[in-house]
Amino acid sequence: MRAIKQYTHIYSMILIVLGIICLHIPVHAEGIFTLTSEFTYDHQVELKMLMEENSGIAGFDIERCDVEGGAYTYLTTVNVWSYNYYDDYYYWFYDDWDDSNTETYIDDSVLAAYTTYYYRVTAFKYALDEYGDETEEKVVLSAQEIAVFYPGLGPTITKGKRSGKNGAALTWTPVAGAE
């Protein structure tokens, strides 16, 4: 009896570890994806969500506001898994053409120059019903925010020619609001 009491904490830890492995309980939800931003060639904001392996993320809800601490406006949902119809059946499939674990969203809205935009990206999975099938209810796994300063469209070069041996002469349209 004494030996059982002495090792009770070890048995408890083994049960917890087995429960996490068998039931796929996430040990930590924070940091299951990394959020970065950059600009596309045509000056649109591109958000990139790099997911950890086996994170269980089904998709991302994207929101934006233009005031720090302000109310966010829903923009879209980016699904990691796609829902397709084939041969009289609907089914989910993973887009395995891209094995980089990265999902992207390009904000093609008309943004105001010289403005900081705040994006909130929420990773989610779908809840399961009593039979283990996915429902439409989203379960939040993690949320991250990122501030992006939008500089606007820069100048557009309208004319260029070679000038001398090592020079060039350029003509461009001015940027509104720039001095």
Foldseek 3Di string as FASTA:
>chain_A
DVVCVVCVVVVVVVVVVCCCVVVVDDPALPPQWDWDWDADPQQWIKIKIAGDPPNQFQWKWKWKDQDVVDDTDTDDIGGQWDWDDDPNDIDIDGPPVDPRSMDMDTPPDDDDAQTKMKMKMWTWHFDADPVRDGDPDTDTRYMDMDIDGRHDGQWDWDDKDADPDPGIDTDTDHDPPDD
